[in-house]
PDB file of N, CA and C in Angstrom:
ATOM      1  N   MET A   1     -98.054 -29.475-182.845  1.00  0.00           N
ATOM      2  CA  MET A   1     -97.756 -28.304-182.047  1.00  0.00           C
ATOM      3  C   MET A   1     -99.045 -27.548-181.776  1.00  0.00           C
ATOM      4  N   ALA A   2     -99.242 -27.089-180.533  1.00  0.00           N
ATOM      5  CA  ALA A   2    -100.466 -26.401-180.143  1.00  0.00           C
ATOM      6  C   ALA A   2    -100.492 -24.993-180.718  1.00  0.00           C
ATOM      7  N   SER A   3    -101.704 -24.565-181.087  1.00  0.00           N
ATOM      8  CA  SER A   3    -101.849 -23.204-181.597  1.00  0.00           C
ATOM      9  C   SER A   3    -101.785 -22.218-180.435  1.00  0.00           C
ATOM     10  N   THR A   4    -101.631 -20.947-180.775  1.00  0.00           N
ATOM     11  CA  THR A   4    -101.559 -19.900-179.752  1.00  0.00           C
ATOM     12  C   THR A   4    -102.831 -19.870-178.916  1.00  0.00           C
ATOM     13  N   SER A   5    -103.997 -20.031-179.550  1.00  0.00           N
ATOM     14  CA  SER A   5    -105.252 -20.014-178.803  1.00  0.00           C
ATOM     15  C   SER A   5    -105.350 -21.210-177.852  1.00  0.00           C
ATOM     16  N   GLU A   6    -104.824 -22.382-178.272  1.00  0.00           N
ATOM     17  CA  GLU A   6    -104.821 -23.548-177.387  1.00  0.00           C
ATOM     18  C   GLU A   6    -103.886 -23.323-176.202  1.00  0.00           C
ATOM     19  N   GLN A   7    -102.720 -22.700-176.456  1.00  0.00           N
ATOM     20  CA  GLN A   7    -101.777 -22.409-175.368  1.00  0.00           C
ATOM     21  C   GLN A   7    -102.394 -21.435-174.367  1.00  0.00           C
ATOM     22  N   LYS A   8    -103.108 -20.417-174.863  1.00  0.00           N
ATOM     23  CA  LYS A   8    -103.775 -19.459-173.976  1.00  0.00           C
ATOM     24  C   LYS A   8    -104.844 -20.147-173.149  1.00  0.00           C
ATOM     25  N   ALA A   9    -105.599 -21.043-173.761  1.00  0.00           N
ATOM     26  CA  ALA A   9    -106.636 -21.774-173.042  1.00  0.00           C
ATOM     27  C   ALA A   9    -106.022 -22.654-171.957  1.00  0.00           C
ATOM     28  N   ASP A  10    -104.902 -23.326-172.275  1.00  0.00           N
ATOM     29  CA  ASP A  10    -104.220 -24.152-171.277  1.00  0.00           C
ATOM     30  C   ASP A  10    -103.749 -23.308-170.101  1.00  0.00           C
ATOM     31  N   THR A  11    -103.200 -22.133-170.381  1.00  0.00           N
ATOM     32  CA  THR A  11    -102.733 -21.240-169.325  1.00  0.00           C
ATOM     33  C   THR A  11    -103.902 -20.776-168.466  1.00  0.00           C
ATOM     34  N   ALA A  12    -105.012 -20.417-169.081  1.00  0.00           N
ATOM     35  CA  ALA A  12    -106.194 -19.980-168.338  1.00  0.00           C
ATOM     36  C   ALA A  12    -106.726 -21.104-167.456  1.00  0.00           C
ATOM     37  N   GLN A  13    -106.729 -22.339-167.970  1.00  0.00           N
ATOM     38  CA  GLN A  13    -107.201 -23.468-167.168  1.00  0.00           C
ATOM     39  C   GLN A  13    -106.283 -23.724-165.988  1.00  0.00           C
ATOM     40  N   THR A  14    -104.993 -23.596-166.192  1.00  0.00           N
ATOM     41  CA  THR A  14    -104.045 -23.785-165.096  1.00  0.00           C
ATOM     42  C   THR A  14    -104.304 -22.758-164.004  1.00  0.00           C
ATOM     43  N   ARG A  15    -104.490 -21.516-164.380  1.00  0.00           N
ATOM     44  CA  ARG A  15    -104.760 -20.464-163.395  1.00  0.00           C
ATOM     45  C   ARG A  15    -106.055 -20.736-162.642  1.00  0.00           C
ATOM     46  N   SER A  16    -107.103 -21.196-163.363  1.00  0.00           N
ATOM     47  CA  SER A  16    -108.385 -21.405-162.717  1.00  0.00           C
ATOM     48  C   SER A  16    -108.352 -22.592-161.756  1.00  0.00           C
ATOM     49  N   ARG A  17    -107.400 -23.525-161.933  1.00  0.00           N
ATOM     50  CA  ARG A  17    -107.290 -24.676-161.043  1.00  0.00           C
ATOM     51  C   ARG A  17    -106.603 -24.318-159.733  1.00  0.00           C
ATOM     52  N   ARG A  18    -105.914 -23.213-159.698  1.00  0.00           N
ATOM     53  CA  ARG A  18    -105.223 -22.829-158.477  1.00  0.00           C
ATOM     54  C   ARG A  18    -106.231 -22.480-157.412  1.00  0.00           C
ATOM     55  N   ALA A  19    -105.948 -22.926-156.199  1.00  0.00           N
ATOM     56  CA  ALA A  19    -106.877 -22.727-155.096  1.00  0.00           C
ATOM     57  C   ALA A  19    -106.794 -21.326-154.499  1.00  0.00           C
ATOM     58  N   HIS A  20    -105.684 -20.622-154.739  1.00  0.00           N
ATOM     59  CA  HIS A  20    -105.476 -19.324-154.109  1.00  0.00           C
ATOM     60  C   HIS A  20    -105.018 -18.299-155.127  1.00  0.00           C
ATOM     61  N   TYR A  21    -105.398 -17.056-154.868  1.00  0.00           N
ATOM     62  CA  TYR A  21    -104.969 -15.950-155.710  1.00  0.00           C
ATOM     63  C   TYR A  21    -103.458 -15.803-155.610  1.00  0.00           C
ATOM     64  N   ARG A  22    -102.819 -15.518-156.706  1.00  0.00           N
ATOM     65  CA  ARG A  22    -101.361 -15.427-156.770  1.00  0.00           C
ATOM     66  C   ARG A  22    -100.968 -14.032-157.240  1.00  0.00           C
ATOM     67  N   ILE A  23    -100.074 -13.389-156.498  1.00  0.00           N
ATOM     68  CA  ILE A  23     -99.517 -12.094-156.905  1.00  0.00           C
ATOM     69  C   ILE A  23     -98.235 -12.371-157.678  1.00  0.00           C
ATOM     70  N   ILE A  24     -98.159 -11.839-158.877  1.00  0.00           N
ATOM     71  CA  ILE A  24     -96.940 -11.927-159.670  1.00  0.00           C
ATOM     72  C   ILE A  24     -96.275 -10.559-159.585  1.00  0.00           C
ATOM     73  N   TYR A  25     -95.100 -10.535-158.992  1.00  0.00           N
ATOM     74  CA  TYR A  25     -94.425  -9.265-158.734  1.00  0.00           C
ATOM     75  C   TYR A  25     -93.612  -8.788-159.920  1.00  0.00           C
ATOM     76  N   PRO A  26     -93.697  -7.478-160.215  1.00  0.00           N
ATOM     77  CA  PRO A  26     -92.787  -6.903-161.213  1.00  0.00           C
ATOM     78  C   PRO A  26     -91.348  -7.000-160.684  1.00  0.00           C
ATOM     79  N   LEU A  27     -90.407  -7.066-161.578  1.00  0.00           N
ATOM     80  CA  LEU A  27     -89.011  -7.264-161.213  1.00  0.00           C
ATOM     81  C   LEU A  27     -88.535  -6.299-160.127  1.00  0.00           C
ATOM     82  N   ARG A  28     -88.862  -5.044-160.234  1.00  0.00           N
ATOM     83  CA  ARG A  28     -88.359  -4.035-159.287  1.00  0.00           C
ATOM     84  C   ARG A  28     -89.162  -3.931-157.998  1.00  0.00           C
ATOM     85  N   LYS A  29     -90.240  -4.674-157.895  1.00  0.00           N
ATOM     86  CA  LYS A  29     -91.101  -4.609-156.708  1.00  0.00           C
ATOM     87  C   LYS A  29     -91.081  -5.901-155.898  1.00  0.00           C
ATOM     88  N   ARG A  30     -90.183  -6.801-156.230  1.00  0.00           N
ATOM     89  CA  ARG A  30     -90.186  -8.118-155.592  1.00  0.00           C
ATOM     90  C   ARG A  30     -89.781  -8.046-154.123  1.00  0.00           C
ATOM     91  N   PRO A  31     -90.566  -8.701-153.264  1.00  0.00           N
ATOM     92  CA  PRO A  31     -90.165  -8.842-151.866  1.00  0.00           C
ATOM     93  C   PRO A  31     -89.011  -9.840-151.764  1.00  0.00           C
ATOM     94  N   SER A  32     -88.502 -10.001-150.564  1.00  0.00           N
ATOM     95  CA  SER A  32     -87.411 -10.942-150.307  1.00  0.00           C
ATOM     96  C   SER A  32     -87.875 -12.031-149.367  1.00  0.00           C
ATOM     97  N   LEU A  33     -87.405 -13.245-149.595  1.00  0.00           N
ATOM     98  CA  LEU A  33     -87.577 -14.336-148.647  1.00  0.00           C
ATOM     99  C   LEU A  33     -86.238 -14.489-147.937  1.00  0.00           C
ATOM    100  N   LEU A  34     -86.242 -14.249-146.633  1.00  0.00           N
ATOM    101  CA  LEU A  34     -85.031 -14.319-145.823  1.00  0.00           C
ATOM    102  C   LEU A  34     -85.029 -15.640-145.074  1.00  0.00           C
ATOM    103  N   CYS A  35     -84.036 -16.464-145.370  1.00  0.00           N
ATOM    104  CA  CYS A  35     -83.878 -17.767-144.717  1.00  0.00           C
ATOM    105  C   CYS A  35     -82.471 -17.828-144.140  1.00  0.00           C
ATOM    106  N   GLY A  36     -82.346 -17.513-142.866  1.00  0.00           N
ATOM    107  CA  GLY A  36     -81.024 -17.485-142.248  1.00  0.00           C
ATOM    108  C   GLY A  36     -80.154 -16.447-142.919  1.00  0.00           C
ATOM    109  N   GLU A  37     -79.026 -16.882-143.453  1.00  0.00           N
ATOM    110  CA  GLU A  37     -78.069 -15.980-144.104  1.00  0.00           C
ATOM    111  C   GLU A  37     -78.362 -15.768-145.590  1.00  0.00           C
ATOM    112  N   VAL A  38     -79.356 -16.472-146.126  1.00  0.00           N
ATOM    113  CA  VAL A  38     -79.625 -16.432-147.560  1.00  0.00           C
ATOM    114  C   VAL A  38     -80.903 -15.646-147.836  1.00  0.00           C
ATOM    115  N   THR A  39     -80.859 -14.836-148.895  1.00  0.00           N
ATOM    116  CA  THR A  39     -82.018 -14.049-149.319  1.00  0.00           C
ATOM    117  C   THR A  39     -82.388 -14.438-150.746  1.00  0.00           C
ATOM    118  N   TYR A  40     -83.676 -14.687-150.966  1.00  0.00           N
ATOM    119  CA  TYR A  40     -84.192 -15.046-152.280  1.00  0.00           C
ATOM    120  C   TYR A  40     -85.186 -13.982-152.722  1.00  0.00           C
ATOM    121  N   ALA A  41     -85.225 -13.666-154.014  1.00  0.00           N
ATOM    122  CA  ALA A  41     -86.217 -12.738-154.559  1.00  0.00           C
ATOM    123  C   ALA A  41     -87.510 -13.505-154.822  1.00  0.00           C
ATOM    124  N   VAL A  42     -88.628 -12.923-154.389  1.00  0.00           N
ATOM    125  CA  VAL A  42     -89.942 -13.541-154.575  1.00  0.00           C
ATOM    126  C   VAL A  42     -90.472 -13.188-155.962  1.00  0.00           C
ATOM    127  N   VAL A  43     -90.757 -14.204-156.759  1.00  0.00           N
ATOM    128  CA  VAL A  43     -91.313 -14.021-158.100  1.00  0.00           C
ATOM    129  C   VAL A  43     -92.828 -13.901-158.003  1.00  0.00           C
ATOM    130  N   ASN A  44     -93.453 -14.830-157.267  1.00  0.00           N
ATOM    131  CA  ASN A  44     -94.891 -14.746-157.029  1.00  0.00           C
ATOM    132  C   ASN A  44     -95.213 -15.343-155.677  1.00  0.00           C
ATOM    133  N   LEU A  45     -96.390 -14.957-155.170  1.00  0.00           N
ATOM    134  CA  LEU A  45     -96.780 -15.332-153.810  1.00  0.00           C
ATOM    135  C   LEU A  45     -98.271 -15.584-153.751  1.00  0.00           C
ATOM    136  N   SER A  46     -98.653 -16.630-153.044  1.00  0.00           N
ATOM    137  CA  SER A  46    -100.057 -16.886-152.733  1.00  0.00           C
ATOM    138  C   SER A  46    -100.135 -17.258-151.257  1.00  0.00           C
ATOM    139  N   GLU A  47    -101.341 -17.492-150.781  1.00  0.00           N
ATOM    140  CA  GLU A  47    -101.514 -17.907-149.387  1.00  0.00           C
ATOM    141  C   GLU A  47    -100.790 -19.212-149.104  1.00  0.00           C
ATOM    142  N   SER A  48    -100.722 -20.075-150.099  1.00  0.00           N
ATOM    143  CA  SER A  48    -100.209 -21.429-149.859  1.00  0.00           C
ATOM    144  C   SER A  48     -98.783 -21.673-150.323  1.00  0.00           C
ATOM    145  N   GLY A  49     -98.169 -20.688-151.006  1.00  0.00           N
ATOM    146  CA  GLY A  49     -96.819 -20.939-151.463  1.00  0.00           C
ATOM    147  C   GLY A  49     -96.168 -19.745-152.117  1.00  0.00           C
ATOM    148  N   VAL A  50     -94.906 -19.941-152.475  1.00  0.00           N
ATOM    149  CA  VAL A  50     -94.107 -18.869-153.062  1.00  0.00           C
ATOM    150  C   VAL A  50     -93.164 -19.462-154.103  1.00  0.00           C
ATOM    151  N   GLN A  51     -92.895 -18.684-155.140  1.00  0.00           N
ATOM    152  CA  GLN A  51     -91.860 -19.047-156.100  1.00  0.00           C
ATOM    153  C   GLN A  51     -90.747 -18.013-155.947  1.00  0.00           C
ATOM    154  N   VAL A  52     -89.529 -18.487-155.830  1.00  0.00           N
ATOM    155  CA  VAL A  52     -88.382 -17.600-155.635  1.00  0.00           C
ATOM    156  C   VAL A  52     -87.315 -17.878-156.683  1.00  0.00           C
ATOM    157  N   THR A  53     -86.493 -16.853-156.949  1.00  0.00           N
ATOM    158  CA  THR A  53     -85.331 -17.078-157.787  1.00  0.00           C
ATOM    159  C   THR A  53     -84.305 -17.803-156.937  1.00  0.00           C
ATOM    160  N   CYS A  54     -83.622 -18.743-157.547  1.00  0.00           N
ATOM    161  CA  CYS A  54     -82.681 -19.568-156.789  1.00  0.00           C
ATOM    162  C   CYS A  54     -81.614 -20.103-157.729  1.00  0.00           C
ATOM    163  N   PRO A  55     -80.470 -19.431-157.783  1.00  0.00           N
ATOM    164  CA  PRO A  55     -79.398 -19.907-158.649  1.00  0.00           C
ATOM    165  C   PRO A  55     -78.994 -21.342-158.299  1.00  0.00           C
ATOM    166  N   PRO A  56     -78.475 -22.074-159.254  1.00  0.00           N
ATOM    167  CA  PRO A  56     -78.126 -23.483-159.039  1.00  0.00           C
ATOM    168  C   PRO A  56     -77.211 -23.729-157.840  1.00  0.00           C
ATOM    169  N   GLU A  57     -76.341 -22.783-157.545  1.00  0.00           N
ATOM    170  CA  GLU A  57     -75.395 -23.003-156.444  1.00  0.00           C
ATOM    171  C   GLU A  57     -76.026 -22.836-155.053  1.00  0.00           C
ATOM    172  N   GLN A  58     -77.272 -22.347-154.993  1.00  0.00           N
ATOM    173  CA  GLN A  58     -77.917 -22.212-153.688  1.00  0.00           C
ATOM    174  C   GLN A  58     -78.610 -23.513-153.315  1.00  0.00           C
ATOM    175  N   SER A  59     -78.787 -23.705-152.030  1.00  0.00           N
ATOM    176  CA  SER A  59     -79.062 -25.036-151.497  1.00  0.00           C
ATOM    177  C   SER A  59     -80.524 -25.407-151.272  1.00  0.00           C
ATOM    178  N   LEU A  60     -81.449 -24.904-152.069  1.00  0.00           N
ATOM    179  CA  LEU A  60     -82.832 -25.359-151.925  1.00  0.00           C
ATOM    180  C   LEU A  60     -83.016 -26.637-152.729  1.00  0.00           C
ATOM    181  N   VAL A  61     -83.346 -27.731-152.036  1.00  0.00           N
ATOM    182  CA  VAL A  61     -83.567 -29.010-152.713  1.00  0.00           C
ATOM    183  C   VAL A  61     -84.984 -29.492-152.423  1.00  0.00           C
ATOM    184  N   VAL A  62     -85.543 -30.262-153.339  1.00  0.00           N
ATOM    185  CA  VAL A  62     -86.911 -30.757-153.205  1.00  0.00           C
ATOM    186  C   VAL A  62     -87.077 -31.498-151.875  1.00  0.00           C
ATOM    187  N   ASP A  63     -88.178 -31.203-151.199  1.00  0.00           N
ATOM    188  CA  ASP A  63     -88.578 -31.766-149.908  1.00  0.00           C
ATOM    189  C   ASP A  63     -87.831 -31.166-148.715  1.00  0.00           C
ATOM    190  N   ALA A  64     -86.866 -30.294-148.947  1.00  0.00           N
ATOM    191  CA  ALA A  64     -86.143 -29.675-147.832  1.00  0.00           C
ATOM    192  C   ALA A  64     -87.057 -28.710-147.090  1.00  0.00           C
ATOM    193  N   PRO A  65     -86.992 -28.706-145.757  1.00  0.00           N
ATOM    194  CA  PRO A  65     -87.787 -27.745-144.993  1.00  0.00           C
ATOM    195  C   PRO A  65     -87.249 -26.326-145.177  1.00  0.00           C
ATOM    196  N   VAL A  66     -88.156 -25.362-145.148  1.00  0.00           N
ATOM    197  CA  VAL A  66     -87.795 -23.949-145.292  1.00  0.00           C
ATOM    198  C   VAL A  66     -88.554 -23.161-144.240  1.00  0.00           C
ATOM    199  N   ALA A  67     -87.852 -22.261-143.554  1.00  0.00           N
ATOM    200  CA  ALA A  67     -88.485 -21.355-142.602  1.00  0.00           C
ATOM    201  C   ALA A  67     -87.805 -20.010-142.721  1.00  0.00           C
ATOM    202  N   GLY A  68     -88.582 -18.957-142.663  1.00  0.00           N
ATOM    203  CA  GLY A  68     -87.999 -17.628-142.762  1.00  0.00           C
ATOM    204  C   GLY A  68     -89.052 -16.553-142.717  1.00  0.00           C
ATOM    205  N   LEU A  69     -88.683 -15.397-143.255  1.00  0.00           N
ATOM    206  CA  LEU A  69     -89.568 -14.238-143.301  1.00  0.00           C
ATOM    207  C   LEU A  69     -89.654 -13.733-144.729  1.00  0.00           C
ATOM    208  N   ILE A  70     -90.845 -13.308-145.121  1.00  0.00           N
ATOM    209  CA  ILE A  70     -90.964 -12.564-146.364  1.00  0.00           C
ATOM    210  C   ILE A  70     -90.999 -11.096-145.970  1.00  0.00           C
ATOM    211  N   ARG A  71     -90.061 -10.335-146.528  1.00  0.00           N
ATOM    212  CA  ARG A  71     -89.989  -8.898-146.264  1.00  0.00           C
ATOM    213  C   ARG A  71     -90.461  -8.163-147.513  1.00  0.00           C
ATOM    214  N   PHE A  72     -91.526  -7.369-147.324  1.00  0.00           N
ATOM    215  CA  PHE A  72     -92.129  -6.645-148.435  1.00  0.00           C
ATOM    216  C   PHE A  72     -91.486  -5.275-148.608  1.00  0.00           C
ATOM    217  N   ALA A  73     -91.752  -4.644-149.745  1.00  0.00           N
ATOM    218  CA  ALA A  73     -91.146  -3.351-150.079  1.00  0.00           C
ATOM    219  C   ALA A  73     -91.467  -2.275-149.040  1.00  0.00           C
ATOM    220  N   ASP A  74     -92.617  -2.379-148.395  1.00  0.00           N
ATOM    221  CA  ASP A  74     -92.994  -1.372-147.388  1.00  0.00           C
ATOM    222  C   ASP A  74     -92.346  -1.632-146.030  1.00  0.00           C
ATOM    223  N   GLY A  75     -91.530  -2.681-145.935  1.00  0.00           N
ATOM    224  CA  GLY A  75     -90.840  -3.012-144.690  1.00  0.00           C
ATOM    225  C   GLY A  75     -91.576  -4.005-143.810  1.00  0.00           C
ATOM    226  N   SER A  76     -92.828  -4.301-144.134  1.00  0.00           N
ATOM    227  CA  SER A  76     -93.572  -5.277-143.337  1.00  0.00           C
ATOM    228  C   SER A  76     -93.033  -6.678-143.619  1.00  0.00           C
ATOM    229  N   GLU A  77     -93.250  -7.570-142.689  1.00  0.00           N
ATOM    230  CA  GLU A  77     -92.751  -8.943-142.803  1.00  0.00           C
ATOM    231  C   GLU A  77     -93.836  -9.922-142.385  1.00  0.00           C
ATOM    232  N   THR A  78     -93.764 -11.105-142.929  1.00  0.00           N
ATOM    233  CA  THR A  78     -94.640 -12.191-142.498  1.00  0.00           C
ATOM    234  C   THR A  78     -93.812 -13.473-142.425  1.00  0.00           C
ATOM    235  N   PRO A  79     -93.950 -14.214-141.331  1.00  0.00           N
ATOM    236  CA  PRO A  79     -93.196 -15.470-141.209  1.00  0.00           C
ATOM    237  C   PRO A  79     -93.791 -16.542-142.115  1.00  0.00           C
ATOM    238  N   VAL A  80     -92.921 -17.402-142.632  1.00  0.00           N
ATOM    239  CA  VAL A  80     -93.369 -18.517-143.473  1.00  0.00           C
ATOM    240  C   VAL A  80     -92.607 -19.781-143.089  1.00  0.00           C
ATOM    241  N   LYS A  81     -93.272 -20.897-143.325  1.00  0.00           N
ATOM    242  CA  LYS A  81     -92.686 -22.195-143.024  1.00  0.00           C
ATOM    243  C   LYS A  81     -93.278 -23.189-144.003  1.00  0.00           C
ATOM    244  N   GLY A  82     -92.427 -24.061-144.554  1.00  0.00           N
ATOM    245  CA  GLY A  82     -92.927 -25.044-145.503  1.00  0.00           C
ATOM    246  C   GLY A  82     -91.813 -25.939-145.997  1.00  0.00           C
ATOM    247  N   ALA A  83     -91.981 -26.422-147.231  1.00  0.00           N
ATOM    248  CA  ALA A  83     -90.995 -27.313-147.833  1.00  0.00           C
ATOM    249  C   ALA A  83     -90.911 -27.031-149.324  1.00  0.00           C
ATOM    250  N   VAL A  84     -89.750 -27.315-149.897  1.00  0.00           N
ATOM    251  CA  VAL A  84     -89.547 -27.114-151.332  1.00  0.00           C
ATOM    252  C   VAL A  84     -90.367 -28.159-152.087  1.00  0.00           C
ATOM    253  N   LEU A  85     -91.255 -27.683-152.930  1.00  0.00           N
ATOM    254  CA  LEU A  85     -92.126 -28.561-153.711  1.00  0.00           C
ATOM    255  C   LEU A  85     -91.454 -28.989-155.013  1.00  0.00           C
ATOM    256  N   ARG A  86     -90.841 -28.008-155.697  1.00  0.00           N
ATOM    257  CA  ARG A  86     -90.110 -28.335-156.919  1.00  0.00           C
ATOM    258  C   ARG A  86     -89.036 -27.286-157.152  1.00  0.00           C
ATOM    259  N   ARG A  87     -88.120 -27.675-158.006  1.00  0.00           N
ATOM    260  CA  ARG A  87     -86.943 -26.838-158.255  1.00  0.00           C
ATOM    261  C   ARG A  87     -86.549 -27.000-159.708  1.00  0.00           C
ATOM    262  N   ASP A  88     -86.235 -25.894-160.369  1.00  0.00           N
ATOM    263  CA  ASP A  88     -85.618 -25.990-161.682  1.00  0.00           C
ATOM    264  C   ASP A  88     -84.313 -25.222-161.625  1.00  0.00           C
ATOM    265  N   ARG A  89     -83.736 -24.962-162.739  1.00  0.00           N
ATOM    266  CA  ARG A  89     -82.402 -24.369-162.755  1.00  0.00           C
ATOM    267  C   ARG A  89     -82.295 -23.061-161.981  1.00  0.00           C
ATOM    268  N   ASN A  90     -83.264 -22.163-162.131  1.00  0.00           N
ATOM    269  CA  ASN A  90     -83.154 -20.832-161.534  1.00  0.00           C
ATOM    270  C   ASN A  90     -84.274 -20.451-160.577  1.00  0.00           C
ATOM    271  N   ARG A  91     -85.189 -21.356-160.317  1.00  0.00           N
ATOM    272  CA  ARG A  91     -86.317 -21.045-159.440  1.00  0.00           C
ATOM    273  C   ARG A  91     -86.659 -22.238-158.567  1.00  0.00           C
ATOM    274  N   ALA A  92     -87.280 -21.908-157.437  1.00  0.00           N
ATOM    275  CA  ALA A  92     -87.784 -22.950-156.542  1.00  0.00           C
ATOM    276  C   ALA A  92     -89.195 -22.562-156.108  1.00  0.00           C
ATOM    277  N   VAL A  93     -90.034 -23.564-155.927  1.00  0.00           N
ATOM    278  CA  VAL A  93     -91.391 -23.363-155.433  1.00  0.00           C
ATOM    279  C   VAL A  93     -91.472 -23.975-154.047  1.00  0.00           C
ATOM    280  N   ILE A  94     -91.957 -23.189-153.103  1.00  0.00           N
ATOM    281  CA  ILE A  94     -92.082 -23.632-151.714  1.00  0.00           C
ATOM    282  C   ILE A  94     -93.561 -23.648-151.354  1.00  0.00           C
ATOM    283  N   ARG A  95     -94.032 -24.774-150.862  1.00  0.00           N
ATOM    284  CA  ARG A  95     -95.417 -24.884-150.378  1.00  0.00           C
ATOM    285  C   ARG A  95     -95.391 -24.650-148.881  1.00  0.00           C
ATOM    286  N   PHE A  96     -96.248 -23.740-148.422  1.00  0.00           N
ATOM    287  CA  PHE A  96     -96.293 -23.401-147.007  1.00  0.00           C
ATOM    288  C   PHE A  96     -97.086 -24.439-146.212  1.00  0.00           C
ATOM    289  N   SER A  97     -96.618 -24.735-145.016  1.00  0.00           N
ATOM    290  CA  SER A  97     -97.365 -25.602-144.112  1.00  0.00           C
ATOM    291  C   SER A  97     -98.381 -24.787-143.321  1.00  0.00           C
ATOM    292  N   GLN A  98     -98.154 -23.484-143.253  1.00  0.00           N
ATOM    293  CA  GLN A  98     -99.097 -22.562-142.620  1.00  0.00           C
ATOM    294  C   GLN A  98     -99.299 -21.414-143.593  1.00  0.00           C
ATOM    295  N   ARG A  99    -100.528 -21.123-143.943  1.00  0.00           N
ATOM    296  CA  ARG A  99    -100.822 -20.143-144.987  1.00  0.00           C
ATOM    297  C   ARG A  99    -100.466 -18.717-144.580  1.00  0.00           C
ATOM    298  N   VAL A 100    -100.090 -17.940-145.582  1.00  0.00           N
ATOM    299  CA  VAL A 100     -99.947 -16.494-145.409  1.00  0.00           C
ATOM    300  C   VAL A 100    -101.370 -15.944-145.307  1.00  0.00           C
ATOM    301  N   PRO A 101    -101.654 -15.090-144.328  1.00  0.00           N
ATOM    302  CA  PRO A 101    -103.018 -14.568-144.199  1.00  0.00           C
ATOM    303  C   PRO A 101    -103.488 -13.849-145.471  1.00  0.00           C
ATOM    304  N   LEU A 102    -104.734 -14.066-145.832  1.00  0.00           N
ATOM    305  CA  LEU A 102    -105.305 -13.450-147.021  1.00  0.00           C
ATOM    306  C   LEU A 102    -105.202 -11.923-146.935  1.00  0.00           C
ATOM    307  N   ARG A 103    -105.332 -11.355-145.762  1.00  0.00           N
ATOM    308  CA  ARG A 103    -105.242  -9.891-145.626  1.00  0.00           C
ATOM    309  C   ARG A 103    -103.868  -9.384-146.069  1.00  0.00           C
ATOM    310  N   VAL A 104    -102.822 -10.171-145.836  1.00  0.00           N
ATOM    311  CA  VAL A 104    -101.468  -9.789-146.278  1.00  0.00           C
ATOM    312  C   VAL A 104    -101.407  -9.798-147.807  1.00  0.00           C
ATOM    313  N   ILE A 105    -101.950 -10.833-148.419  1.00  0.00           N
ATOM    314  CA  ILE A 105    -101.967 -10.945-149.882  1.00  0.00           C
ATOM    315  C   ILE A 105    -102.750  -9.777-150.486  1.00  0.00           C
ATOM    316  N   MET A 106    -103.917  -9.494-149.923  1.00  0.00           N
ATOM    317  CA  MET A 106    -104.757  -8.420-150.458  1.00  0.00           C
ATOM    318  C   MET A 106    -104.100  -7.050-150.286  1.00  0.00           C
ATOM    319  N   GLU A 107    -103.434  -6.835-149.178  1.00  0.00           N
ATOM    320  CA  GLU A 107    -102.731  -5.571-148.958  1.00  0.00           C
ATOM    321  C   GLU A 107    -101.593  -5.400-149.954  1.00  0.00           C
ATOM    322  N   GLN A 108    -100.878  -6.455-150.227  1.00  0.00           N
ATOM    323  CA  GLN A 108     -99.803  -6.391-151.221  1.00  0.00           C
ATOM    324  C   GLN A 108    -100.361  -6.069-152.603  1.00  0.00           C
ATOM    325  N   GLN A 109    -101.457  -6.707-152.961  1.00  0.00           N
ATOM    326  CA  GLN A 109    -102.081  -6.435-154.254  1.00  0.00           C
ATOM    327  C   GLN A 109    -102.546  -4.985-154.324  1.00  0.00           C
ATOM    328  N   ARG A 110    -103.156  -4.491-153.259  1.00  0.00           N
ATOM    329  CA  ARG A 110    -103.623  -3.102-153.219  1.00  0.00           C
ATOM    330  C   ARG A 110    -102.457  -2.138-153.427  1.00  0.00           C
ATOM    331  N   GLN A 111    -101.342  -2.395-152.754  1.00  0.00           N
ATOM    332  CA  GLN A 111    -100.179  -1.526-152.885  1.00  0.00           C
ATOM    333  C   GLN A 111     -99.628  -1.535-154.316  1.00  0.00           C
ATOM    334  N   LEU A 112     -99.558  -2.707-154.927  1.00  0.00           N
ATOM    335  CA  LEU A 112     -99.066  -2.782-156.305  1.00  0.00           C
ATOM    336  C   LEU A 112     -99.971  -2.019-157.265  1.00  0.00           C
ATOM    337  N   ILE A 113    -101.276  -2.119-157.059  1.00  0.00           N
ATOM    338  CA  ILE A 113    -102.220  -1.394-157.916  1.00  0.00           C
ATOM    339  C   ILE A 113    -102.063   0.110-157.716  1.00  0.00           C
ATOM    340  N   GLN A 114    -101.997   0.555-156.476  1.00  0.00           N
ATOM    341  CA  GLN A 114    -101.818   1.986-156.197  1.00  0.00           C
ATOM    342  C   GLN A 114    -100.537   2.532-156.804  1.00  0.00           C
ATOM    343  N   GLU A 115     -99.453   1.777-156.686  1.00  0.00           N
ATOM    344  CA  GLU A 115     -98.172   2.217-157.247  1.00  0.00           C
ATOM    345  C   GLU A 115     -98.212   2.283-158.764  1.00  0.00           C
ATOM    346  N   SER A 116     -98.946   1.369-159.377  1.00  0.00           N
ATOM    347  CA  SER A 116     -99.022   1.380-160.839  1.00  0.00           C
ATOM    348  C   SER A 116     -99.880   2.537-161.350  1.00  0.00           C
ATOM    349  N   LEU A 117    -100.777   3.037-160.526  1.00  0.00           N
ATOM    350  CA  LEU A 117    -101.639   4.157-160.924  1.00  0.00           C
ATOM    351  C   LEU A 117    -100.995   5.513-160.629  1.00  0.00           C
ATOM    352  N   ALA A 118     -99.963   5.512-159.783  1.00  0.00           N
ATOM    353  CA  ALA A 118     -99.339   6.789-159.387  1.00  0.00           C
ATOM    354  C   ALA A 118     -98.466   7.357-160.479  1.00  0.00           C
TER     355      ALA A 118
END
């Protein structure tokens, strides 16, 4: 069994391998991914993908195409398009075929920091 320090090192290495900065949203600040009639809560977001909550009864399956809008807490929206990369019991990861602009990611991060300082 790995020690706590080894687990922390593994987590740090995983983060450093990611190509894009990832925003991890607090539970009460999560944006929504709107796909037709279905709305998913965004757990985290980067330029290249998103992780959403997805109960087992909802229809996101691996390799399925996804298109919709991410609606942020401030009311702004950004269109997204991609495919489901992986799925577990309660979450799905979607890789975007067209990246979310970095300015959108940075603005979201700025807003979260400002709100946490207020």
